[in-house]
């Protein structure tokens, strides 16, 4: 359970860094989101999940 809380905390740190360091980039990306198809977003999401699982597996393995 503590690992899950650490992971959530790190997620918020990384997310906060992006907003703090590049707010104009975030606004531009938000404007671009409606132009990306559902299929592309789903593929990117699945790729990110796969990469995340791989990283955790490498660290824990």
C-alpha atoms as a PDB file:
ATOM      1  CA  UNK A   1       0.000   0.000   0.000  1.00  0.00           C
ATOM      2  CA  UNK A   2       2.825   2.417   0.769  1.00  0.00           C
ATOM      3  CA  UNK A   3       4.301   1.820  -2.708  1.00  0.00           C
ATOM      4  CA  UNK A   4       0.995   2.872  -4.243  1.00  0.00           C
ATOM      5  CA  UNK A   5       0.953   6.073  -2.215  1.00  0.00           C
ATOM      6  CA  UNK A   6       4.564   6.814  -3.200  1.00  0.00           C
ATOM      7  CA  UNK A   7       3.661   6.267  -6.866  1.00  0.00           C
ATOM      8  CA  UNK A   8       0.680   8.625  -6.580  1.00  0.00           C
ATOM      9  CA  UNK A   9       2.859  11.203  -4.869  1.00  0.00           C
ATOM     10  CA  UNK A  10       5.491  10.995  -7.599  1.00  0.00           C
ATOM     11  CA  UNK A  11       2.783  11.345 -10.227  1.00  0.00           C
ATOM     12  CA  UNK A  12       1.663  14.608  -8.620  1.00  0.00           C
ATOM     13  CA  UNK A  13       5.260  15.863  -8.400  1.00  0.00           C
ATOM     14  CA  UNK A  14       5.883  15.203 -12.088  1.00  0.00           C
ATOM     15  CA  UNK A  15       2.509  16.637 -13.106  1.00  0.00           C
ATOM     16  CA  UNK A  16       3.142  19.730 -11.003  1.00  0.00           C
ATOM     17  CA  UNK A  17       6.564  20.230 -12.546  1.00  0.00           C
ATOM     18  CA  UNK A  18       5.074  20.228 -16.026  1.00  0.00           C
ATOM     19  CA  UNK A  19       2.476  22.844 -15.064  1.00  0.00           C
ATOM     20  CA  UNK A  20       5.037  24.962 -13.188  1.00  0.00           C
ATOM     21  CA  UNK A  21       7.778  24.875 -15.828  1.00  0.00           C
ATOM     22  CA  UNK A  22       5.758  24.955 -19.073  1.00  0.00           C
ATOM     23  CA  UNK A  23       2.255  26.407 -18.604  1.00  0.00           C
ATOM     24  CA  UNK A  24       2.054  27.725 -22.180  1.00  0.00           C
ATOM     25  CA  UNK A  25       2.945  24.273 -23.523  1.00  0.00           C
ATOM     26  CA  UNK A  26       0.106  22.750 -21.475  1.00  0.00           C
ATOM     27  CA  UNK A  27      -2.381  25.287 -22.873  1.00  0.00           C
ATOM     28  CA  UNK A  28      -1.222  24.573 -26.434  1.00  0.00           C
ATOM     29  CA  UNK A  29      -1.515  20.814 -25.910  1.00  0.00           C
ATOM     30  CA  UNK A  30      -5.024  21.234 -24.445  1.00  0.00           C
ATOM     31  CA  UNK A  31      -6.056  23.110 -27.590  1.00  0.00           C
ATOM     32  CA  UNK A  32      -4.690  20.282 -29.755  1.00  0.00           C
ATOM     33  CA  UNK A  33      -6.531  17.468 -27.922  1.00  0.00           C
ATOM     34  CA  UNK A  34      -9.809  17.731 -29.894  1.00  0.00           C
ATOM     35  CA  UNK A  35      -7.822  17.207 -33.097  1.00  0.00           C
ATOM     36  CA  UNK A  36      -6.450  13.822 -31.987  1.00  0.00           C
ATOM     37  CA  UNK A  37      -8.606  10.817 -32.803  1.00  0.00           C
ATOM     38  CA  UNK A  38      -9.873   8.464 -30.110  1.00  0.00           C
ATOM     39  CA  UNK A  39      -7.871   5.656 -31.671  1.00  0.00           C
ATOM     40  CA  UNK A  40      -4.611   7.621 -31.440  1.00  0.00           C
ATOM     41  CA  UNK A  41      -5.281   8.615 -27.826  1.00  0.00           C
ATOM     42  CA  UNK A  42      -6.160   5.040 -26.900  1.00  0.00           C
ATOM     43  CA  UNK A  43      -3.000   3.749 -28.596  1.00  0.00           C
ATOM     44  CA  UNK A  44      -0.859   6.309 -26.778  1.00  0.00           C
ATOM     45  CA  UNK A  45      -2.532   5.419 -23.468  1.00  0.00           C
ATOM     46  CA  UNK A  46      -1.932   1.703 -23.966  1.00  0.00           C
ATOM     47  CA  UNK A  47       1.679   2.398 -24.931  1.00  0.00           C
ATOM     48  CA  UNK A  48       2.162   4.481 -21.779  1.00  0.00           C
ATOM     49  CA  UNK A  49       0.660   1.686 -19.665  1.00  0.00           C
ATOM     50  CA  UNK A  50       2.975  -0.845 -21.294  1.00  0.00           C
ATOM     51  CA  UNK A  51       6.021   1.355 -20.740  1.00  0.00           C
ATOM     52  CA  UNK A  52       5.059   1.937 -17.118  1.00  0.00           C
ATOM     53  CA  UNK A  53       4.569  -1.767 -16.454  1.00  0.00           C
ATOM     54  CA  UNK A  54       7.911  -2.520 -18.116  1.00  0.00           C
ATOM     55  CA  UNK A  55       9.744   0.062 -16.002  1.00  0.00           C
ATOM     56  CA  UNK A  56       8.190  -1.243 -12.778  1.00  0.00           C
ATOM     57  CA  UNK A  57       8.971  -4.823 -13.822  1.00  0.00           C
ATOM     58  CA  UNK A  58      12.620  -3.911 -14.514  1.00  0.00           C
ATOM     59  CA  UNK A  59      13.011  -2.128 -11.193  1.00  0.00           C
ATOM     60  CA  UNK A  60      11.203  -4.750  -9.126  1.00  0.00           C
ATOM     61  CA  UNK A  61      12.459  -7.773 -11.066  1.00  0.00           C
END
